[in-house]
């Protein structure tokens, strides 16, 4: 089971994936971007999943949480992290969230 928490750090933040029974954690970091159409923009900068917990879909869960929060809190995402950008390309239904 994976639990994802969100931590505000300065003006930005980090999503942290905690896997039951594991000490390694996956992270997705974001920083603030320029507002677009009057909406907050969060720039996804890095998604990191240590090899100890790799191959279990952790990175995808982190991106899904970011996207879910964007829908719930009405902000846009600038996917500068290559993994986040790839997931946006694979999910055209997210296009309305792309900054």
C-alpha atoms as a PDB file:
ATOM      1  CA  UNK A   1       0.000   0.000   0.000  1.00  0.00           C
ATOM      2  CA  UNK A   2       1.235   3.477  -0.914  1.00  0.00           C
ATOM      3  CA  UNK A   3       0.411   6.624   1.039  1.00  0.00           C
ATOM      4  CA  UNK A   4       1.163   9.973  -0.574  1.00  0.00           C
ATOM      5  CA  UNK A   5       1.528  13.105   1.512  1.00  0.00           C
ATOM      6  CA  UNK A   6       1.992  16.701   0.372  1.00  0.00           C
ATOM      7  CA  UNK A   7       4.424  19.041   2.111  1.00  0.00           C
ATOM      8  CA  UNK A   8       4.631  22.795   1.455  1.00  0.00           C
ATOM      9  CA  UNK A   9       8.265  23.906   1.309  1.00  0.00           C
ATOM     10  CA  UNK A  10       8.776  27.646   0.992  1.00  0.00           C
ATOM     11  CA  UNK A  11       6.757  28.783  -2.026  1.00  0.00           C
ATOM     12  CA  UNK A  12       6.762  25.272  -3.511  1.00  0.00           C
ATOM     13  CA  UNK A  13       6.223  21.766  -2.274  1.00  0.00           C
ATOM     14  CA  UNK A  14       6.868  18.073  -2.472  1.00  0.00           C
ATOM     15  CA  UNK A  15       4.697  14.993  -2.737  1.00  0.00           C
ATOM     16  CA  UNK A  16       6.163  12.034  -0.858  1.00  0.00           C
ATOM     17  CA  UNK A  17       5.203   8.401  -1.471  1.00  0.00           C
ATOM     18  CA  UNK A  18       5.521   6.113   1.542  1.00  0.00           C
ATOM     19  CA  UNK A  19       5.301   2.385   0.802  1.00  0.00           C
ATOM     20  CA  UNK A  20       4.231   0.083   3.571  1.00  0.00           C
ATOM     21  CA  UNK A  21       7.232  -1.853   4.905  1.00  0.00           C
ATOM     22  CA  UNK A  22       9.804   0.254   3.016  1.00  0.00           C
ATOM     23  CA  UNK A  23      12.138   3.002   4.199  1.00  0.00           C
ATOM     24  CA  UNK A  24      12.854   4.402   0.709  1.00  0.00           C
ATOM     25  CA  UNK A  25      10.442   7.100  -0.462  1.00  0.00           C
ATOM     26  CA  UNK A  26       9.517   8.485  -3.856  1.00  0.00           C
ATOM     27  CA  UNK A  27       9.125  12.225  -4.367  1.00  0.00           C
ATOM     28  CA  UNK A  28       7.676  14.681  -6.844  1.00  0.00           C
ATOM     29  CA  UNK A  29       8.838  18.266  -6.327  1.00  0.00           C
ATOM     30  CA  UNK A  30       7.177  21.436  -7.588  1.00  0.00           C
ATOM     31  CA  UNK A  31       7.824  25.135  -7.475  1.00  0.00           C
ATOM     32  CA  UNK A  32       5.573  28.109  -8.233  1.00  0.00           C
ATOM     33  CA  UNK A  33       5.241  29.352 -11.792  1.00  0.00           C
ATOM     34  CA  UNK A  34       3.725  32.473 -13.307  1.00  0.00           C
ATOM     35  CA  UNK A  35      -0.068  32.608 -13.039  1.00  0.00           C
ATOM     36  CA  UNK A  36      -1.941  31.670 -16.189  1.00  0.00           C
ATOM     37  CA  UNK A  37      -5.509  32.798 -16.875  1.00  0.00           C
ATOM     38  CA  UNK A  38      -5.736  33.927 -13.252  1.00  0.00           C
ATOM     39  CA  UNK A  39      -4.829  30.453 -11.966  1.00  0.00           C
ATOM     40  CA  UNK A  40      -1.887  29.286  -9.888  1.00  0.00           C
ATOM     41  CA  UNK A  41       0.718  27.321 -11.851  1.00  0.00           C
ATOM     42  CA  UNK A  42       2.812  24.613 -10.215  1.00  0.00           C
ATOM     43  CA  UNK A  43       5.984  23.682 -12.083  1.00  0.00           C
ATOM     44  CA  UNK A  44       6.701  19.949 -11.691  1.00  0.00           C
ATOM     45  CA  UNK A  45      10.512  19.910 -11.538  1.00  0.00           C
ATOM     46  CA  UNK A  46      11.631  16.449 -10.375  1.00  0.00           C
ATOM     47  CA  UNK A  47      10.169  12.995  -9.853  1.00  0.00           C
ATOM     48  CA  UNK A  48      12.529  10.676  -8.017  1.00  0.00           C
ATOM     49  CA  UNK A  49      11.918   7.035  -7.146  1.00  0.00           C
ATOM     50  CA  UNK A  50      14.842   5.138  -5.599  1.00  0.00           C
ATOM     51  CA  UNK A  51      15.677   1.804  -7.227  1.00  0.00           C
ATOM     52  CA  UNK A  52      14.705  -0.023  -4.007  1.00  0.00           C
ATOM     53  CA  UNK A  53      11.056   0.803  -4.713  1.00  0.00           C
ATOM     54  CA  UNK A  54      11.230   1.159  -8.501  1.00  0.00           C
ATOM     55  CA  UNK A  55       8.982  -0.734 -10.882  1.00  0.00           C
ATOM     56  CA  UNK A  56       5.932  -0.535  -8.640  1.00  0.00           C
ATOM     57  CA  UNK A  57       4.155   2.417 -10.231  1.00  0.00           C
ATOM     58  CA  UNK A  58       5.210   4.881  -7.536  1.00  0.00           C
ATOM     59  CA  UNK A  59       6.083   7.682  -9.972  1.00  0.00           C
ATOM     60  CA  UNK A  60       2.717   7.282 -11.733  1.00  0.00           C
ATOM     61  CA  UNK A  61       0.918   7.474  -8.375  1.00  0.00           C
ATOM     62  CA  UNK A  62       2.790  10.674  -7.508  1.00  0.00           C
ATOM     63  CA  UNK A  63       1.781  12.290 -10.813  1.00  0.00           C
ATOM     64  CA  UNK A  64      -1.818  11.101 -10.373  1.00  0.00           C
ATOM     65  CA  UNK A  65      -1.926  12.770  -6.938  1.00  0.00           C
ATOM     66  CA  UNK A  66      -0.579  16.046  -8.398  1.00  0.00           C
ATOM     67  CA  UNK A  67      -3.194  15.910 -11.173  1.00  0.00           C
ATOM     68  CA  UNK A  68      -5.958  15.108  -8.673  1.00  0.00           C
ATOM     69  CA  UNK A  69      -4.930  18.062  -6.536  1.00  0.00           C
ATOM     70  CA  UNK A  70      -4.891  20.299  -9.626  1.00  0.00           C
ATOM     71  CA  UNK A  71      -8.497  19.304 -10.335  1.00  0.00           C
ATOM     72  CA  UNK A  72      -9.564  19.677  -6.678  1.00  0.00           C
ATOM     73  CA  UNK A  73      -7.780  23.009  -6.069  1.00  0.00           C
ATOM     74  CA  UNK A  74      -8.064  24.531  -9.560  1.00  0.00           C
ATOM     75  CA  UNK A  75      -4.401  25.057 -10.486  1.00  0.00           C
ATOM     76  CA  UNK A  76      -2.411  24.313 -13.638  1.00  0.00           C
ATOM     77  CA  UNK A  77       0.723  22.190 -14.034  1.00  0.00           C
ATOM     78  CA  UNK A  78       3.845  23.047 -16.020  1.00  0.00           C
ATOM     79  CA  UNK A  79       5.407  19.577 -16.579  1.00  0.00           C
ATOM     80  CA  UNK A  80       9.122  20.427 -16.781  1.00  0.00           C
ATOM     81  CA  UNK A  81      10.081  17.055 -15.306  1.00  0.00           C
ATOM     82  CA  UNK A  82      10.477  14.656 -18.240  1.00  0.00           C
ATOM     83  CA  UNK A  83       8.452  11.917 -16.511  1.00  0.00           C
ATOM     84  CA  UNK A  84       5.544  14.251 -15.728  1.00  0.00           C
ATOM     85  CA  UNK A  85       5.644  15.538 -19.305  1.00  0.00           C
ATOM     86  CA  UNK A  86       5.508  11.945 -20.603  1.00  0.00           C
ATOM     87  CA  UNK A  87       2.462  11.206 -18.430  1.00  0.00           C
ATOM     88  CA  UNK A  88       0.725  14.349 -19.750  1.00  0.00           C
ATOM     89  CA  UNK A  89       1.444  13.204 -23.306  1.00  0.00           C
ATOM     90  CA  UNK A  90      -0.060   9.776 -22.481  1.00  0.00           C
ATOM     91  CA  UNK A  91      -3.183  11.328 -20.926  1.00  0.00           C
ATOM     92  CA  UNK A  92      -4.750  13.832 -23.336  1.00  0.00           C
ATOM     93  CA  UNK A  93      -7.688  14.268 -20.931  1.00  0.00           C
ATOM     94  CA  UNK A  94      -5.264  16.216 -18.695  1.00  0.00           C
ATOM     95  CA  UNK A  95      -4.624  18.852 -21.385  1.00  0.00           C
ATOM     96  CA  UNK A  96      -6.876  21.397 -19.627  1.00  0.00           C
ATOM     97  CA  UNK A  97      -4.497  21.287 -16.647  1.00  0.00           C
ATOM     98  CA  UNK A  98      -1.323  21.913 -18.654  1.00  0.00           C
ATOM     99  CA  UNK A  99       0.197  25.372 -18.270  1.00  0.00           C
END
